Amino acid sequence: MAGKSDSNSEFISTAQAARQLGLSLGAVQQMVESGTLAGWKTAGGHRRIRQDSVDALLAHARSPSAPMRSNRERLRVMVVEDDRLLQNIYRETFLTWSLPLDVHLMEHGLDALVEVGREPPDLLIADLRIPGIDGFEMIRRLRDNPLSSDIAIVVVSALGPKEIAAAGGLPEDITVYRKPIPFHELHGYVQAMISMRRRARHPG
């Protein structure tokens, strides 16, 4: 979770953030824990969330920079994972969620880049140790390209923080989870994205 910031920043409660984002308290808590929202815990265990991080998330959801993606009714999710067993686990688990998802499974970083160029996903879930172009290089190229720089990216890897840092690190906006695949957290993340898209299309 993000550390406590300077005292001049405006902080709000989890309930206030949930109302602004149109999400459940649990979804907001998961977004704070994953670093998607910047916040900290008080000595009493209550979360305080930076208002500017909530504003940035809302602005991103309403951004017209990728109209083709934002106008889709279903969330397009790309999973880049070379382990066939894990691919099947992703596929079968997503099906049990009964959410409006279109899931595309890729094994190689280069193939994923080509597919992103053809039709960008709303969410990309990637391992870091993949054949050919690894996850680090794939993410760097996606972030350097204006056409894909706003794609939400979640890393699910067996690598720990020290190993990731030793390999050059990842952009600060990337949410990172450690394997085994944390489907509970991913479910909350995906639900939050769907709720925010609906709210962006139908404000008020």
Foldseek 3Di string as FASTA:
>chain_A
DADDDDPVFDWDFLVVLCVLLVHDSVLSVLCCVLLQWPWDADPVGTIITGPVSSVVVLCLLLDCLPVVQLPDLAFEEEEADQDPVVVVVVVVVVVVLPGRYDYHYHQALVVVLVVCVVPNGQEYEYEQDGPDHGPQRSQVVQCVDSSRVSRAYEYEYQDDPVVQVVVPHDDSNYGYHYDPPPVVSVSSVVVSSSSSSVCSVPPD
